[in-house]
């Protein structure tokens, strides 16, 4: 048994050891545009309500929606500026952002591509309907080779890989 992670946990090294791939958050441009539009439209109503002295139920509903959208925009921008993290493919499991996920607990791998580039990749755990935020990514560099390795890994472990859009959590 070899120690591949600084000696903390013994990890069995197989012949098909993958190099860690640098990954980033998937593009959130569409989300940012939609949330910004909602903030502009609803924010106008909030400002008008304040100017006219109307602070009824509708005013507070608009205010709550504007604050929610601003929070979503803040989270998306924060995630977009994080430094690249790692995806490591091993025999029987993968590690994404330091979280280990066994192949048996992985239901599907989704690859969403548009305009000749990968928009996002989602790892859907078994029993889930929505791809959790920590399991969504795009490759920072070497996309073609990395996608090929991901396809081989999923085929070897019986995990379905689908090239389509997927439902994701913020």
N, C-alpha and C. Protein backbone atom coordinates (compact mmCIF):
# COMPACT_ATOMS: atom_id res chain seq x y z
N UNK A 1 0.86 -1.18 0.00
CA UNK A 1 0.00 0.00 0.00
C UNK A 1 0.90 1.23 0.00
N UNK A 2 0.57 2.18 -0.84
CA UNK A 2 1.36 3.40 -0.94
C UNK A 2 0.59 4.58 -0.37
N UNK A 3 1.33 5.55 0.09
CA UNK A 3 0.71 6.75 0.62
C UNK A 3 0.81 7.84 -0.44
N UNK A 4 -0.33 8.22 -0.99
CA UNK A 4 -0.32 9.21 -2.07
C UNK A 4 -0.77 10.58 -1.62
N UNK A 5 -1.15 10.72 -0.39
CA UNK A 5 -1.70 12.00 0.06
C UNK A 5 -0.98 12.52 1.30
N UNK A 6 0.32 12.42 1.28
CA UNK A 6 1.10 12.96 2.40
C UNK A 6 1.17 12.03 3.59
N UNK A 7 0.71 10.79 3.44
CA UNK A 7 0.81 9.83 4.52
C UNK A 7 -0.34 9.83 5.50
N UNK A 8 -1.33 10.67 5.29
CA UNK A 8 -2.43 10.75 6.25
C UNK A 8 -3.33 9.52 6.18
N UNK A 9 -3.71 9.12 4.98
CA UNK A 9 -4.61 7.99 4.81
C UNK A 9 -4.00 7.06 3.77
N UNK A 10 -3.90 5.77 4.07
CA UNK A 10 -3.34 4.87 3.05
C UNK A 10 -4.32 4.74 1.89
N UNK A 11 -3.84 4.96 0.69
CA UNK A 11 -4.65 4.86 -0.51
C UNK A 11 -3.98 3.86 -1.44
N UNK A 12 -4.74 2.87 -1.87
CA UNK A 12 -4.19 1.86 -2.76
C UNK A 12 -3.94 2.49 -4.13
N UNK A 13 -2.75 2.34 -4.64
CA UNK A 13 -2.40 2.93 -5.92
C UNK A 13 -2.57 1.86 -6.99
N UNK A 14 -3.39 2.17 -7.99
CA UNK A 14 -3.64 1.25 -9.10
C UNK A 14 -2.86 1.70 -10.32
N UNK A 15 -2.90 0.87 -11.35
CA UNK A 15 -2.21 1.23 -12.57
C UNK A 15 -2.90 2.39 -13.29
N UNK A 16 -4.17 2.61 -13.04
CA UNK A 16 -4.91 3.67 -13.71
C UNK A 16 -5.09 4.87 -12.79
N UNK A 17 -4.01 5.39 -12.31
CA UNK A 17 -4.07 6.55 -11.43
C UNK A 17 -4.18 7.80 -12.30
N UNK A 18 -5.07 8.65 -11.93
CA UNK A 18 -5.30 9.87 -12.69
C UNK A 18 -4.56 11.03 -12.07
N UNK A 19 -4.15 11.93 -12.92
CA UNK A 19 -3.58 13.18 -12.41
C UNK A 19 -4.74 14.06 -11.98
N UNK A 20 -4.57 14.85 -10.95
CA UNK A 20 -5.66 15.74 -10.55
C UNK A 20 -5.92 16.78 -11.64
N UNK A 21 -7.18 16.99 -11.96
CA UNK A 21 -7.58 17.99 -12.94
C UNK A 21 -8.02 19.24 -12.21
N UNK A 22 -7.61 20.38 -12.69
CA UNK A 22 -8.05 21.66 -12.11
C UNK A 22 -9.47 21.94 -12.60
N UNK A 23 -10.37 22.22 -11.66
CA UNK A 23 -11.76 22.50 -12.02
C UNK A 23 -12.19 23.84 -11.44
N UNK A 24 -13.18 24.44 -12.11
CA UNK A 24 -13.74 25.72 -11.67
C UNK A 24 -15.25 25.59 -11.63
N UNK A 25 -15.89 26.62 -11.13
CA UNK A 25 -17.35 26.66 -11.12
C UNK A 25 -17.86 26.77 -12.55
N UNK A 26 -19.03 26.16 -12.85
CA UNK A 26 -19.61 26.34 -14.18
C UNK A 26 -20.04 27.79 -14.39
N UNK A 27 -20.18 28.15 -15.64
CA UNK A 27 -20.57 29.52 -15.98
C UNK A 27 -21.94 29.85 -15.40
N UNK A 28 -22.05 31.02 -14.80
CA UNK A 28 -23.30 31.46 -14.19
C UNK A 28 -23.85 32.72 -14.87
N UNK A 29 -23.46 32.95 -16.10
CA UNK A 29 -23.85 34.18 -16.80
C UNK A 29 -25.37 34.29 -16.91
N UNK A 30 -26.03 33.20 -17.30
CA UNK A 30 -27.48 33.24 -17.45
C UNK A 30 -28.17 33.54 -16.12
N UNK A 31 -27.71 32.90 -15.06
CA UNK A 31 -28.26 33.15 -13.73
C UNK A 31 -28.07 34.61 -13.32
N UNK A 32 -26.87 35.13 -13.54
CA UNK A 32 -26.59 36.52 -13.16
C UNK A 32 -27.46 37.50 -13.95
N UNK A 33 -27.65 37.24 -15.24
CA UNK A 33 -28.49 38.13 -16.05
C UNK A 33 -29.94 38.10 -15.59
N UNK A 34 -30.46 36.90 -15.34
CA UNK A 34 -31.86 36.78 -14.90
C UNK A 34 -32.08 37.44 -13.54
N UNK A 35 -31.20 37.17 -12.60
CA UNK A 35 -31.35 37.75 -11.27
C UNK A 35 -31.18 39.27 -11.31
N UNK A 36 -30.29 39.76 -12.16
CA UNK A 36 -30.12 41.21 -12.30
C UNK A 36 -31.38 41.86 -12.87
N UNK A 37 -32.00 41.19 -13.84
CA UNK A 37 -33.24 41.72 -14.41
C UNK A 37 -34.34 41.78 -13.36
N UNK A 38 -34.45 40.75 -12.53
CA UNK A 38 -35.46 40.74 -11.47
C UNK A 38 -35.18 41.87 -10.48
N UNK A 39 -33.91 42.05 -10.11
CA UNK A 39 -33.55 43.13 -9.17
C UNK A 39 -33.91 44.49 -9.75
N UNK A 40 -33.63 44.70 -11.03
CA UNK A 40 -33.94 45.99 -11.65
C UNK A 40 -35.44 46.26 -11.69
N UNK A 41 -36.21 45.26 -12.11
CA UNK A 41 -37.66 45.45 -12.22
C UNK A 41 -38.30 45.59 -10.85
N UNK A 42 -37.99 44.69 -9.95
CA UNK A 42 -38.61 44.73 -8.62
C UNK A 42 -38.03 45.86 -7.77
N UNK A 43 -36.75 46.16 -7.96
CA UNK A 43 -36.14 47.25 -7.21
C UNK A 43 -36.78 48.59 -7.53
N UNK A 44 -37.18 48.72 -8.77
CA UNK A 44 -37.88 49.96 -9.17
C UNK A 44 -39.19 50.11 -8.39
N UNK A 45 -39.90 49.00 -8.22
CA UNK A 45 -41.14 49.02 -7.44
C UNK A 45 -40.89 49.34 -5.97
N UNK A 46 -39.79 48.83 -5.43
CA UNK A 46 -39.44 49.09 -4.03
C UNK A 46 -39.12 50.57 -3.85
N UNK A 47 -38.33 51.13 -4.75
CA UNK A 47 -37.97 52.55 -4.66
C UNK A 47 -39.21 53.42 -4.80
N UNK A 48 -40.07 53.07 -5.76
CA UNK A 48 -41.29 53.84 -5.95
C UNK A 48 -42.19 53.75 -4.72
N UNK A 49 -42.27 52.58 -4.11
CA UNK A 49 -43.07 52.41 -2.90
C UNK A 49 -42.55 53.26 -1.75
N UNK A 50 -41.23 53.35 -1.62
CA UNK A 50 -40.64 54.19 -0.58
C UNK A 50 -40.92 55.66 -0.83
N UNK A 51 -40.79 56.08 -2.09
CA UNK A 51 -41.04 57.49 -2.44
C UNK A 51 -42.48 57.89 -2.16
N UNK A 52 -43.41 57.00 -2.45
CA UNK A 52 -44.83 57.32 -2.29
C UNK A 52 -45.36 56.98 -0.90
N UNK A 53 -44.53 56.42 -0.06
CA UNK A 53 -44.93 56.11 1.30
C UNK A 53 -45.79 54.86 1.42
N UNK A 54 -45.81 54.03 0.38
CA UNK A 54 -46.59 52.78 0.44
C UNK A 54 -45.68 51.67 0.97
N UNK A 55 -46.03 51.12 2.10
CA UNK A 55 -45.25 50.03 2.66
C UNK A 55 -46.16 48.89 3.08
N UNK A 56 -47.01 48.47 2.17
CA UNK A 56 -47.93 47.38 2.45
C UNK A 56 -47.29 46.03 2.19
N UNK A 57 -48.12 45.02 2.12
CA UNK A 57 -47.66 43.64 1.92
C UNK A 57 -46.91 43.48 0.60
N UNK A 58 -47.41 44.09 -0.46
CA UNK A 58 -46.76 43.99 -1.77
C UNK A 58 -45.36 44.61 -1.74
N UNK A 59 -45.21 45.71 -1.04
CA UNK A 59 -43.90 46.36 -0.92
C UNK A 59 -42.90 45.41 -0.27
N UNK A 60 -43.31 44.77 0.83
CA UNK A 60 -42.40 43.87 1.54
C UNK A 60 -42.12 42.60 0.74
N UNK A 61 -43.09 42.15 -0.05
CA UNK A 61 -42.85 40.99 -0.93
C UNK A 61 -41.81 41.34 -1.99
N UNK A 62 -41.93 42.53 -2.59
CA UNK A 62 -40.94 42.98 -3.57
C UNK A 62 -39.57 43.12 -2.93
N UNK A 63 -39.53 43.71 -1.75
CA UNK A 63 -38.26 43.90 -1.04
C UNK A 63 -37.60 42.55 -0.73
N UNK A 64 -38.38 41.59 -0.27
CA UNK A 64 -37.85 40.26 0.03
C UNK A 64 -37.29 39.60 -1.22
N UNK A 65 -37.99 39.73 -2.34
CA UNK A 65 -37.53 39.14 -3.59
C UNK A 65 -36.23 39.81 -4.07
N UNK A 66 -36.16 41.11 -3.95
CA UNK A 66 -34.94 41.83 -4.34
C UNK A 66 -33.76 41.38 -3.48
N UNK A 67 -33.97 41.26 -2.18
CA UNK A 67 -32.89 40.83 -1.28
C UNK A 67 -32.46 39.40 -1.56
N UNK A 68 -33.42 38.52 -1.86
CA UNK A 68 -33.10 37.13 -2.21
C UNK A 68 -32.27 37.08 -3.49
N UNK A 69 -32.67 37.83 -4.49
CA UNK A 69 -31.93 37.86 -5.75
C UNK A 69 -30.52 38.42 -5.56
N UNK A 70 -30.39 39.44 -4.74
CA UNK A 70 -29.07 40.01 -4.46
C UNK A 70 -28.18 38.99 -3.74
N UNK A 71 -28.77 38.21 -2.84
CA UNK A 71 -28.00 37.16 -2.15
C UNK A 71 -27.54 36.09 -3.15
N UNK A 72 -28.41 35.69 -4.06
CA UNK A 72 -28.05 34.69 -5.08
C UNK A 72 -26.94 35.23 -5.97
N UNK A 73 -27.04 36.49 -6.37
CA UNK A 73 -25.99 37.11 -7.19
C UNK A 73 -24.67 37.11 -6.42
N UNK A 74 -24.71 37.47 -5.15
CA UNK A 74 -23.50 37.48 -4.32
C UNK A 74 -22.85 36.11 -4.22
N UNK A 75 -23.67 35.08 -4.00
CA UNK A 75 -23.14 33.71 -3.90
C UNK A 75 -22.52 33.28 -5.22
N UNK A 76 -23.21 33.56 -6.34
CA UNK A 76 -22.70 33.16 -7.66
C UNK A 76 -21.38 33.87 -7.98
N UNK A 77 -21.29 35.14 -7.67
CA UNK A 77 -20.05 35.89 -7.94
C UNK A 77 -18.93 35.36 -7.05
N UNK A 78 -19.22 35.11 -5.78
CA UNK A 78 -18.21 34.57 -4.86
C UNK A 78 -17.68 33.23 -5.37
N UNK A 79 -18.58 32.34 -5.77
CA UNK A 79 -18.15 31.03 -6.28
C UNK A 79 -17.35 31.16 -7.56
N UNK A 80 -17.72 32.13 -8.39
CA UNK A 80 -17.02 32.32 -9.66
C UNK A 80 -15.58 32.78 -9.50
N UNK A 81 -15.29 33.47 -8.42
CA UNK A 81 -13.94 33.99 -8.20
C UNK A 81 -13.08 33.12 -7.29
N UNK A 82 -13.60 31.97 -6.88
CA UNK A 82 -12.77 31.07 -6.08
C UNK A 82 -11.64 30.51 -6.93
N UNK A 83 -10.55 30.16 -6.28
CA UNK A 83 -9.43 29.58 -7.02
C UNK A 83 -9.81 28.18 -7.50
N UNK A 84 -9.18 27.72 -8.58
CA UNK A 84 -9.48 26.38 -9.09
C UNK A 84 -9.20 25.31 -8.04
N UNK A 85 -10.05 24.29 -8.05
CA UNK A 85 -9.87 23.18 -7.11
C UNK A 85 -9.56 21.92 -7.92
N UNK A 86 -9.61 20.74 -7.30
CA UNK A 86 -9.17 19.53 -7.99
C UNK A 86 -10.24 18.46 -8.08
N UNK A 87 -10.18 17.73 -9.20
CA UNK A 87 -10.98 16.53 -9.43
C UNK A 87 -9.99 15.41 -9.67
N UNK A 88 -10.11 14.34 -8.91
CA UNK A 88 -9.21 13.20 -9.03
C UNK A 88 -10.03 11.96 -9.30
N UNK A 89 -9.75 11.26 -10.39
CA UNK A 89 -10.46 10.03 -10.75
C UNK A 89 -9.59 8.84 -10.37
N UNK A 90 -10.12 7.93 -9.56
CA UNK A 90 -9.40 6.74 -9.13
C UNK A 90 -10.26 5.51 -9.41
N UNK A 91 -9.69 4.35 -9.24
CA UNK A 91 -10.46 3.12 -9.42
C UNK A 91 -11.49 2.98 -8.31
N UNK A 92 -12.76 3.04 -8.68
CA UNK A 92 -13.84 2.83 -7.73
C UNK A 92 -14.36 4.09 -7.05
N UNK A 93 -13.67 5.20 -7.21
CA UNK A 93 -14.12 6.44 -6.57
C UNK A 93 -13.51 7.65 -7.26
N UNK A 94 -14.07 8.79 -6.93
CA UNK A 94 -13.49 10.05 -7.39
C UNK A 94 -13.51 11.03 -6.24
N UNK A 95 -12.66 12.01 -6.33
CA UNK A 95 -12.58 13.04 -5.30
C UNK A 95 -12.77 14.39 -5.98
N UNK A 96 -13.77 15.13 -5.53
CA UNK A 96 -14.04 16.44 -6.09
C UNK A 96 -14.05 17.45 -4.95
N UNK A 97 -13.18 18.43 -5.04
CA UNK A 97 -13.05 19.47 -4.01
C UNK A 97 -12.84 18.86 -2.62
N UNK A 98 -12.08 17.77 -2.56
CA UNK A 98 -11.78 17.14 -1.29
C UNK A 98 -12.87 16.21 -0.78
N UNK A 99 -13.96 16.06 -1.52
CA UNK A 99 -15.05 15.16 -1.12
C UNK A 99 -14.95 13.88 -1.93
N UNK A 100 -14.89 12.78 -1.25
CA UNK A 100 -14.76 11.49 -1.91
C UNK A 100 -16.14 10.92 -2.20
N UNK A 101 -16.33 10.44 -3.43
CA UNK A 101 -17.60 9.89 -3.88
C UNK A 101 -17.33 8.57 -4.58
N UNK A 102 -17.88 7.47 -4.05
CA UNK A 102 -17.64 6.17 -4.67
C UNK A 102 -18.48 6.04 -5.94
N UNK A 103 -17.98 5.24 -6.87
CA UNK A 103 -18.68 5.06 -8.15
C UNK A 103 -20.06 4.45 -7.94
N UNK A 104 -20.21 3.62 -6.92
CA UNK A 104 -21.51 3.00 -6.64
C UNK A 104 -22.56 3.99 -6.18
N UNK A 105 -22.14 5.11 -5.61
CA UNK A 105 -23.08 6.12 -5.14
C UNK A 105 -23.33 7.22 -6.17
N UNK A 106 -22.73 7.07 -7.34
CA UNK A 106 -22.88 8.05 -8.40
C UNK A 106 -23.87 7.52 -9.43
N UNK A 107 -24.98 8.22 -9.60
CA UNK A 107 -26.02 7.76 -10.52
C UNK A 107 -25.73 8.10 -11.97
N UNK A 108 -25.39 9.35 -12.23
CA UNK A 108 -25.15 9.81 -13.60
C UNK A 108 -24.10 10.92 -13.61
N UNK A 109 -23.51 11.07 -14.78
CA UNK A 109 -22.63 12.20 -15.05
C UNK A 109 -23.25 12.95 -16.22
N UNK A 110 -23.50 14.22 -16.03
CA UNK A 110 -24.08 15.06 -17.09
C UNK A 110 -23.01 15.99 -17.63
N UNK A 111 -22.98 16.12 -18.95
CA UNK A 111 -22.08 17.07 -19.61
C UNK A 111 -22.95 17.98 -20.45
N UNK A 112 -22.98 19.26 -20.10
CA UNK A 112 -23.76 20.24 -20.85
C UNK A 112 -22.80 21.08 -21.68
N UNK A 113 -22.94 20.97 -23.00
CA UNK A 113 -22.07 21.72 -23.91
C UNK A 113 -22.91 22.64 -24.78
N UNK A 114 -22.36 23.80 -25.09
CA UNK A 114 -23.01 24.75 -25.99
C UNK A 114 -21.93 25.54 -26.71
N UNK A 115 -22.18 25.82 -27.97
CA UNK A 115 -21.26 26.61 -28.80
C UNK A 115 -19.85 26.02 -28.81
N UNK A 116 -19.75 24.69 -28.83
CA UNK A 116 -18.46 24.04 -28.95
C UNK A 116 -17.62 23.99 -27.69
N UNK A 117 -18.16 24.40 -26.56
CA UNK A 117 -17.40 24.32 -25.31
C UNK A 117 -18.30 23.77 -24.21
N UNK A 118 -17.69 23.20 -23.21
CA UNK A 118 -18.45 22.64 -22.10
C UNK A 118 -18.88 23.76 -21.17
N UNK A 119 -20.17 23.85 -20.95
CA UNK A 119 -20.72 24.87 -20.04
C UNK A 119 -20.61 24.38 -18.61
N UNK A 120 -20.92 23.12 -18.40
CA UNK A 120 -20.86 22.58 -17.05
C UNK A 120 -20.94 21.07 -17.04
N UNK A 121 -20.41 20.47 -16.00
CA UNK A 121 -20.46 19.03 -15.79
C UNK A 121 -21.08 18.83 -14.43
N UNK A 122 -22.01 17.90 -14.34
CA UNK A 122 -22.68 17.63 -13.07
C UNK A 122 -22.59 16.17 -12.70
N UNK A 123 -22.29 15.90 -11.45
CA UNK A 123 -22.25 14.54 -10.92
C UNK A 123 -23.49 14.36 -10.06
N UNK A 124 -24.40 13.51 -10.51
CA UNK A 124 -25.66 13.31 -9.81
C UNK A 124 -25.57 12.05 -8.94
N UNK A 125 -25.58 12.20 -7.62
CA UNK A 125 -25.55 11.03 -6.74
C UNK A 125 -26.84 10.21 -6.89
N UNK A 126 -26.74 8.93 -6.64
CA UNK A 126 -27.89 8.04 -6.71
C UNK A 126 -28.97 8.51 -5.76
N UNK A 127 -30.22 8.53 -6.25
CA UNK A 127 -31.35 8.93 -5.42
C UNK A 127 -31.63 10.41 -5.41
N UNK A 128 -30.82 11.21 -6.06
CA UNK A 128 -31.02 12.66 -6.10
C UNK A 128 -31.63 13.05 -7.45
N UNK A 129 -32.36 14.17 -7.47
CA UNK A 129 -32.93 14.69 -8.72
C UNK A 129 -32.19 15.91 -9.22
N UNK A 130 -31.56 16.62 -8.29
CA UNK A 130 -30.86 17.86 -8.61
C UNK A 130 -29.38 17.67 -8.28
N UNK A 131 -28.52 18.12 -9.19
CA UNK A 131 -27.08 18.02 -8.96
C UNK A 131 -26.69 19.01 -7.86
N UNK A 132 -26.12 18.53 -6.75
CA UNK A 132 -25.72 19.44 -5.67
C UNK A 132 -24.59 20.38 -6.12
N UNK A 133 -24.56 21.56 -5.57
CA UNK A 133 -23.57 22.58 -5.96
C UNK A 133 -22.12 22.09 -5.88
N UNK A 134 -21.72 21.33 -4.85
CA UNK A 134 -20.31 20.90 -4.81
C UNK A 134 -19.93 19.93 -5.93
N UNK A 135 -20.93 19.33 -6.59
CA UNK A 135 -20.66 18.35 -7.64
C UNK A 135 -20.83 18.91 -9.05
N UNK A 136 -20.83 20.23 -9.20
CA UNK A 136 -20.90 20.87 -10.51
C UNK A 136 -19.56 21.55 -10.78
N UNK A 137 -19.09 21.45 -12.02
CA UNK A 137 -17.81 22.05 -12.34
C UNK A 137 -17.63 22.16 -13.84
N UNK A 138 -16.56 22.82 -14.21
CA UNK A 138 -16.04 22.80 -15.58
C UNK A 138 -14.53 22.73 -15.45
N UNK A 139 -13.88 22.21 -16.46
CA UNK A 139 -12.43 22.08 -16.40
C UNK A 139 -11.77 23.44 -16.63
N UNK A 140 -10.74 23.72 -15.86
CA UNK A 140 -10.02 24.99 -16.00
C UNK A 140 -9.15 24.98 -17.24
N UNK A 141 -8.58 23.83 -17.59
CA UNK A 141 -7.76 23.71 -18.79
C UNK A 141 -7.67 22.23 -19.18
N UNK A 142 -7.26 21.96 -20.41
CA UNK A 142 -7.15 20.59 -20.89
C UNK A 142 -8.48 19.88 -20.97
N UNK A 143 -9.50 20.61 -21.42
CA UNK A 143 -10.87 20.10 -21.38
C UNK A 143 -11.07 18.81 -22.19
N UNK A 144 -10.54 18.75 -23.41
CA UNK A 144 -10.76 17.58 -24.26
C UNK A 144 -10.20 16.32 -23.63
N UNK A 145 -8.96 16.38 -23.19
CA UNK A 145 -8.32 15.22 -22.58
C UNK A 145 -9.01 14.83 -21.27
N UNK A 146 -9.38 15.83 -20.49
CA UNK A 146 -10.05 15.58 -19.21
C UNK A 146 -11.42 14.94 -19.42
N UNK A 147 -12.18 15.43 -20.41
CA UNK A 147 -13.49 14.83 -20.71
C UNK A 147 -13.35 13.39 -21.18
N UNK A 148 -12.33 13.14 -21.98
CA UNK A 148 -12.08 11.77 -22.45
C UNK A 148 -11.80 10.85 -21.26
N UNK A 149 -10.99 11.32 -20.33
CA UNK A 149 -10.67 10.52 -19.16
C UNK A 149 -11.91 10.29 -18.28
N UNK A 150 -12.76 11.31 -18.16
CA UNK A 150 -14.00 11.18 -17.40
C UNK A 150 -14.94 10.18 -18.06
N UNK A 151 -15.03 10.21 -19.40
CA UNK A 151 -15.86 9.24 -20.13
C UNK A 151 -15.36 7.82 -19.91
N UNK A 152 -14.05 7.62 -19.99
CA UNK A 152 -13.47 6.30 -19.76
C UNK A 152 -13.73 5.82 -18.34
N UNK A 153 -13.57 6.72 -17.38
CA UNK A 153 -13.79 6.37 -15.98
C UNK A 153 -15.24 5.95 -15.76
N UNK A 154 -16.18 6.71 -16.29
CA UNK A 154 -17.59 6.40 -16.09
C UNK A 154 -17.97 5.09 -16.80
N UNK A 155 -17.43 4.84 -17.98
CA UNK A 155 -17.71 3.58 -18.68
C UNK A 155 -17.14 2.39 -17.90
N UNK A 156 -15.94 2.54 -17.36
CA UNK A 156 -15.30 1.47 -16.59
C UNK A 156 -16.08 1.13 -15.33
N UNK A 157 -16.76 2.11 -14.75
CA UNK A 157 -17.45 1.90 -13.48
C UNK A 157 -18.96 1.79 -13.63
N UNK A 158 -19.46 1.72 -14.86
CA UNK A 158 -20.89 1.54 -15.10
C UNK A 158 -21.74 2.74 -14.73
N UNK A 159 -21.15 3.92 -14.79
CA UNK A 159 -21.88 5.16 -14.49
C UNK A 159 -22.31 5.77 -15.83
N UNK A 160 -23.60 6.05 -15.96
CA UNK A 160 -24.13 6.61 -17.20
C UNK A 160 -23.64 8.04 -17.40
N UNK A 161 -23.12 8.32 -18.59
CA UNK A 161 -22.70 9.68 -18.93
C UNK A 161 -23.65 10.18 -20.02
N UNK A 162 -24.31 11.30 -19.76
CA UNK A 162 -25.25 11.87 -20.71
C UNK A 162 -24.82 13.27 -21.08
N UNK A 163 -24.91 13.56 -22.37
CA UNK A 163 -24.59 14.90 -22.87
C UNK A 163 -25.89 15.68 -23.02
N UNK A 164 -26.27 16.36 -21.95
CA UNK A 164 -27.50 17.14 -21.97
C UNK A 164 -27.49 18.13 -20.81
N UNK A 165 -28.47 19.04 -20.84
CA UNK A 165 -28.61 19.99 -19.73
C UNK A 165 -29.08 19.23 -18.50
N UNK A 166 -28.77 19.78 -17.35
CA UNK A 166 -29.18 19.13 -16.11
C UNK A 166 -29.67 20.16 -15.12
N UNK A 167 -30.50 19.69 -14.21
CA UNK A 167 -31.05 20.55 -13.17
C UNK A 167 -30.01 20.71 -12.07
N UNK A 168 -29.69 21.95 -11.76
CA UNK A 168 -28.66 22.18 -10.76
C UNK A 168 -29.14 23.15 -9.69
N UNK A 169 -28.50 23.07 -8.57
CA UNK A 169 -28.86 23.88 -7.42
C UNK A 169 -27.99 25.13 -7.41
N UNK A 170 -28.62 26.29 -7.44
CA UNK A 170 -27.96 27.60 -7.49
C UNK A 170 -26.55 27.44 -7.91
